[in-house]
Amino acid sequence: MVFYFSGTGNTKWVAGQIAEAIGEELLYIPDLIREGRYEFQVREGERIGFCFPTHGWQPPRIMRDFINRLVLKGYDDAFCWALTTCGDNTGECMTILNKDLTRKGLHADTLYSVIMPESYVCLPFMYTDTEEKAASKLAHAREQLPGIIATIKDCRKGIVSLEKGATPRLYSYVIGGYFNKRMITDKKFMVDADVCIKCGKCAKVCPVDNIAGTPPDWLHNGKCTCCLACYHHCPVHAINYGSITRRRGQYFCTVKSTH
């Protein structure tokens, strides 16, 4: 089984490629949460995988909350792996993930990061990639995937291939700690009502059902992950995160399956 979370589609594409190639079920965490499904039986020979985007050099809060409630049965000898997508680097994201998994009696033995096009644009120095850079990242990801898939299919333990960056502890525990505690909020989202075409796409793509109505109204229910799915999928760029994104680009993954 492959548990995954994705906002703008990068992780969905990667996780989908892996799940299809190894012949295992792809499970979307927001759907599982909506259904209240936290208990799973691991079949003999089944692998356990976790795929998610790096958010502020840490696993997304929705991922950590799901793992905290996850109950797996029959996984004593199951191969466990994890993969995170990122725009640049991961810091100690996987260390944090494994600490969460340890509390559930699990440990991800094989770890990967895959660099994908940048989607976080809510800080002064953060922009979407140019078309050329995005294409280059996607091409490299395609080259990486066969090796990753082979490793997971063969249940090879101890493989760690992560882009941690120059100062991973600083990224994850200092900057990322502040970011994930203070800056994951829906309070800055706004909509230009005169631009909004009332298509409702933002509400449909929100993984945590935090948007209602057209023009959209953010519910401030504490569930927002700041994945920016609403911002990036808006067909007329009517949604912004404060004023900083008004002149920023939009991106969501449109890569088709290669299988």
Protein backbone atom coordinates (compact mmCIF):
# COMPACT_ATOMS: atom_id res chain seq x y z
CA MET A 1 0.00 0.00 0.00
CA VAL A 2 1.16 3.53 -0.80
CA PHE A 3 -0.16 6.33 1.40
CA TYR A 4 0.24 9.76 -0.17
CA PHE A 5 -0.62 13.42 0.17
CA SER A 6 -0.36 15.95 -2.66
CA GLY A 7 -1.53 19.52 -3.16
CA THR A 8 -0.39 20.61 -6.61
CA GLY A 9 0.10 17.13 -8.07
CA ASN A 10 3.86 16.60 -7.91
CA THR A 11 3.68 13.89 -5.28
CA LYS A 12 0.54 12.40 -6.80
CA TRP A 13 2.40 11.82 -10.05
CA VAL A 14 5.46 10.27 -8.39
CA ALA A 15 3.41 8.10 -6.02
CA GLY A 16 1.15 7.00 -8.86
CA GLN A 17 4.10 5.91 -10.98
CA ILE A 18 5.49 3.83 -8.13
CA ALA A 19 2.19 2.26 -7.06
CA GLU A 20 1.34 1.27 -10.62
CA ALA A 21 4.77 -0.22 -11.26
CA ILE A 22 4.89 -2.30 -8.07
CA GLY A 23 1.22 -3.28 -8.28
CA GLU A 24 0.05 -1.88 -4.97
CA GLU A 25 -2.90 0.24 -3.88
CA LEU A 26 -2.56 4.02 -3.95
CA LEU A 27 -4.29 5.61 -0.96
CA TYR A 28 -4.95 9.37 -0.84
CA ILE A 29 -4.69 10.53 2.76
CA PRO A 30 -7.33 13.33 2.59
CA ASP A 31 -9.87 10.76 1.32
CA LEU A 32 -8.95 8.36 4.12
CA ILE A 33 -9.42 11.13 6.68
CA ARG A 34 -12.83 12.03 5.23
CA GLU A 35 -13.84 8.36 5.48
CA GLY A 36 -12.36 7.93 8.94
CA ARG A 37 -10.14 5.09 7.66
CA TYR A 38 -7.08 4.72 9.82
CA GLU A 39 -6.89 0.94 10.31
CA PHE A 40 -5.38 -1.34 7.66
CA GLN A 41 -4.40 -4.97 7.39
CA VAL A 42 -1.04 -5.54 5.72
CA ARG A 43 -1.07 -8.58 3.47
CA GLU A 44 1.84 -11.01 3.32
CA GLY A 45 4.56 -9.58 1.06
CA GLU A 46 2.91 -6.16 0.88
CA ARG A 47 5.12 -3.07 1.14
CA ILE A 48 4.24 0.03 3.16
CA GLY A 49 5.04 3.35 1.48
CA PHE A 50 4.61 7.00 2.42
CA CYS A 51 4.81 9.78 -0.21
CA PHE A 52 4.41 13.47 0.53
CA PRO A 53 5.76 16.94 -0.34
CA THR A 54 8.25 18.62 1.96
CA HIS A 55 6.56 21.60 3.65
CA GLY A 56 8.99 23.98 5.31
CA TRP A 57 11.62 21.22 5.54
CA GLN A 58 9.20 19.02 7.50
CA PRO A 59 6.46 16.51 6.63
CA PRO A 60 3.11 18.30 6.15
CA ARG A 61 0.97 18.50 9.26
CA ILE A 62 -1.79 16.45 7.60
CA MET A 63 0.74 13.66 7.03
CA ARG A 64 1.94 13.71 10.63
CA ASP A 65 -1.59 13.79 12.02
CA PHE A 66 -2.58 10.83 9.83
CA ILE A 67 0.41 8.76 10.93
CA ASN A 68 -0.40 9.57 14.55
CA ARG A 69 -3.82 7.92 14.09
CA LEU A 70 -2.69 5.13 11.75
CA VAL A 71 -3.19 1.52 12.87
CA LEU A 72 -1.50 -1.20 10.81
CA LYS A 73 -2.00 -4.89 11.50
CA GLY A 74 0.23 -7.73 10.32
CA TYR A 75 3.21 -5.58 9.34
CA ASP A 76 5.90 -7.33 11.43
CA ASP A 77 8.21 -8.08 8.51
CA ALA A 78 6.82 -5.63 5.96
CA PHE A 79 9.21 -3.49 3.95
CA CYS A 80 8.61 0.20 4.73
CA TRP A 81 9.82 3.04 2.51
CA ALA A 82 9.22 6.78 2.16
CA LEU A 83 9.64 9.40 -0.54
CA THR A 84 9.31 13.16 -0.37
CA THR A 85 9.10 15.61 -3.24
CA CYS A 86 10.67 19.04 -2.86
CA GLY A 87 11.47 22.14 -4.87
CA ASP A 88 15.08 22.27 -3.70
CA ASN A 89 16.00 20.24 -0.60
CA THR A 90 14.46 18.38 2.34
CA GLY A 91 16.52 19.24 5.41
CA GLU A 92 15.87 16.65 8.13
CA CYS A 93 12.32 16.00 6.90
CA MET A 94 12.80 12.23 6.80
CA THR A 95 14.35 12.15 10.27
CA ILE A 96 11.18 13.79 11.57
CA LEU A 97 9.04 11.33 9.62
CA ASN A 98 10.86 8.34 11.07
CA LYS A 99 10.45 9.69 14.60
CA ASP A 100 6.69 9.81 13.96
CA LEU A 101 6.74 6.30 12.49
CA THR A 102 8.76 4.94 15.42
CA ARG A 103 5.91 5.87 17.75
CA LYS A 104 3.74 3.50 15.69
CA GLY A 105 6.32 0.71 15.72
CA LEU A 106 7.39 1.44 12.13
CA HIS A 107 10.60 2.58 10.47
CA ALA A 108 11.13 3.59 6.84
CA ASP A 109 14.20 1.60 5.81
CA THR A 110 14.64 3.16 2.37
CA LEU A 111 14.31 6.90 1.78
CA TYR A 112 14.18 9.02 -1.35
CA SER A 113 13.69 12.65 -2.31
CA VAL A 114 12.66 13.72 -5.80
CA ILE A 115 13.11 17.34 -6.82
CA MET A 116 10.06 18.65 -8.65
CA PRO A 117 8.95 22.10 -9.90
CA GLU A 118 8.58 24.70 -7.15
CA SER A 119 5.04 25.55 -6.04
CA TYR A 120 5.45 27.51 -2.79
CA VAL A 121 5.36 31.24 -3.57
CA CYS A 122 4.33 32.89 -0.31
CA LEU A 123 7.70 34.23 0.81
CA PRO A 124 9.70 37.10 -0.73
CA PHE A 125 12.38 34.80 -2.16
CA MET A 126 10.07 32.02 -3.39
CA TYR A 127 8.92 31.84 -7.00
CA THR A 128 7.64 29.20 -9.39
CA ASP A 129 10.35 27.83 -11.67
CA THR A 130 10.78 29.02 -15.23
CA GLU A 131 9.34 26.70 -17.86
CA GLU A 132 12.86 25.57 -18.74
CA LYS A 133 13.80 24.81 -15.13
CA ALA A 134 10.51 23.02 -14.47
CA ALA A 135 11.01 20.89 -17.57
CA SER A 136 14.55 20.05 -16.48
CA LYS A 137 13.37 18.97 -13.02
CA LEU A 138 10.63 16.79 -14.50
CA ALA A 139 13.08 15.20 -16.95
CA HIS A 140 15.45 14.35 -14.10
CA ALA A 141 12.58 12.95 -12.04
CA ARG A 142 11.65 10.67 -14.94
CA GLU A 143 15.26 9.44 -15.02
CA GLN A 144 15.23 8.78 -11.27
CA LEU A 145 12.00 6.83 -11.09
CA PRO A 146 13.05 3.51 -12.68
CA GLY A 147 15.85 3.11 -10.13
CA ILE A 148 13.56 4.06 -7.25
CA ILE A 149 10.89 1.65 -8.45
CA ALA A 150 13.39 -1.20 -8.80
CA THR A 151 14.65 -0.63 -5.25
CA ILE A 152 11.14 -0.62 -3.79
CA LYS A 153 10.00 -3.59 -5.86
CA ASP A 154 12.99 -5.62 -4.62
CA CYS A 155 12.50 -4.40 -1.01
CA ARG A 156 16.10 -3.25 -0.73
CA LYS A 157 16.70 -1.84 2.73
CA GLY A 158 19.12 0.89 3.76
CA ILE A 159 18.99 2.96 0.57
CA VAL A 160 19.04 6.66 1.47
CA SER A 161 19.06 9.14 -1.40
CA LEU A 162 18.10 12.56 -0.05
CA GLU A 163 18.87 16.15 -1.04
CA LYS A 164 19.16 17.52 2.48
CA GLY A 165 20.78 20.86 1.66
CA ALA A 166 23.77 22.61 3.25
CA THR A 167 22.40 23.06 6.78
CA PRO A 168 19.58 20.49 7.21
CA ARG A 169 19.11 20.88 10.97
CA LEU A 170 18.84 24.66 10.66
CA TYR A 171 16.34 24.28 7.82
CA SER A 172 14.07 21.77 9.59
CA TYR A 173 14.29 22.56 13.28
CA VAL A 174 14.78 26.33 13.31
CA ILE A 175 13.38 27.83 10.10
CA GLY A 176 11.01 24.94 9.43
CA GLY A 177 9.94 24.79 13.05
CA TYR A 178 8.89 28.43 12.96
CA PHE A 179 7.33 28.08 9.50
CA ASN A 180 5.17 25.09 10.37
CA LYS A 181 4.11 26.50 13.72
CA ARG A 182 3.40 30.10 12.69
CA MET A 183 2.91 30.31 8.93
CA ILE A 184 0.57 27.44 8.08
CA THR A 185 -2.69 29.38 8.03
CA ASP A 186 -5.52 30.24 5.68
CA LYS A 187 -5.97 33.73 7.12
CA LYS A 188 -4.04 35.46 4.31
CA PHE A 189 -5.97 33.89 1.43
CA MET A 190 -8.14 36.35 -0.46
CA VAL A 191 -10.09 36.45 -3.68
CA ASP A 192 -10.60 39.24 -6.19
CA ALA A 193 -14.37 38.98 -6.48
CA ASP A 194 -14.47 40.98 -9.72
CA VAL A 195 -12.02 38.51 -11.32
CA CYS A 196 -13.46 35.27 -9.90
CA ILE A 197 -15.56 33.36 -12.45
CA LYS A 198 -17.31 31.30 -9.73
CA CYS A 199 -16.19 27.98 -11.21
CA GLY A 200 -15.75 26.37 -7.79
CA LYS A 201 -12.51 24.70 -8.77
CA CYS A 202 -10.69 25.95 -5.68
CA ALA A 203 -13.16 24.18 -3.38
CA LYS A 204 -12.95 20.99 -5.44
CA VAL A 205 -9.16 20.78 -5.31
CA CYS A 206 -8.79 21.72 -1.63
CA PRO A 207 -7.59 18.49 0.03
CA VAL A 208 -8.94 19.43 3.45
CA ASP A 209 -12.37 20.83 2.46
CA ASN A 210 -11.47 24.26 3.82
CA ILE A 211 -13.27 26.30 1.13
CA ALA A 212 -16.97 26.93 0.68
CA GLY A 213 -19.04 28.92 -1.80
CA THR A 214 -18.26 31.01 -4.86
CA PRO A 215 -16.47 33.35 -4.62
CA PRO A 216 -14.53 31.15 -2.20
CA ASP A 217 -14.70 31.60 1.54
CA TRP A 218 -11.94 30.01 3.63
CA LEU A 219 -13.40 28.38 6.73
CA HIS A 220 -10.54 29.06 9.18
CA ASN A 221 -11.11 25.62 10.69
CA GLY A 222 -7.46 24.87 11.42
CA LYS A 223 -7.17 22.25 8.68
CA CYS A 224 -5.37 24.32 6.02
CA THR A 225 -1.99 22.90 4.99
CA CYS A 226 -0.96 25.89 2.83
CA CYS A 227 -0.47 23.46 -0.06
CA LEU A 228 -1.66 26.30 -2.37
CA ALA A 229 -3.82 23.98 -4.48
CA CYS A 230 -6.54 26.65 -4.52
CA TYR A 231 -4.12 29.36 -5.65
CA HIS A 232 -2.40 27.33 -8.36
CA HIS A 233 -5.54 25.77 -9.85
CA CYS A 234 -7.51 29.03 -10.15
CA PRO A 235 -7.93 29.49 -13.92
CA VAL A 236 -7.99 33.30 -13.70
CA HIS A 237 -5.49 33.91 -10.84
CA ALA A 238 -8.27 35.43 -8.72
CA ILE A 239 -6.90 33.86 -5.53
CA ASN A 240 -3.89 35.28 -3.71
CA TYR A 241 -2.06 34.79 -0.45
CA GLY A 242 -1.87 38.36 0.74
CA SER A 243 -0.37 40.76 -1.78
CA ILE A 244 2.89 38.85 -2.28
CA THR A 245 1.49 36.39 -4.83
CA ARG A 246 -0.25 38.89 -7.09
CA ARG A 247 2.65 38.93 -9.53
CA ARG A 248 3.80 35.38 -8.91
CA GLY A 249 3.29 32.46 -11.27
CA GLN A 250 1.08 29.41 -10.96
CA TYR A 251 1.96 25.73 -11.30
CA PHE A 252 0.35 22.33 -10.97
CA CYS A 253 1.62 19.04 -12.29
CA THR A 254 0.12 17.94 -15.59
CA VAL A 255 2.56 15.12 -16.39
CA LYS A 256 0.86 11.99 -17.71
CA SER A 257 1.64 8.45 -16.58
CA THR A 258 4.41 6.73 -18.49
CA HIS A 259 3.04 3.23 -17.86
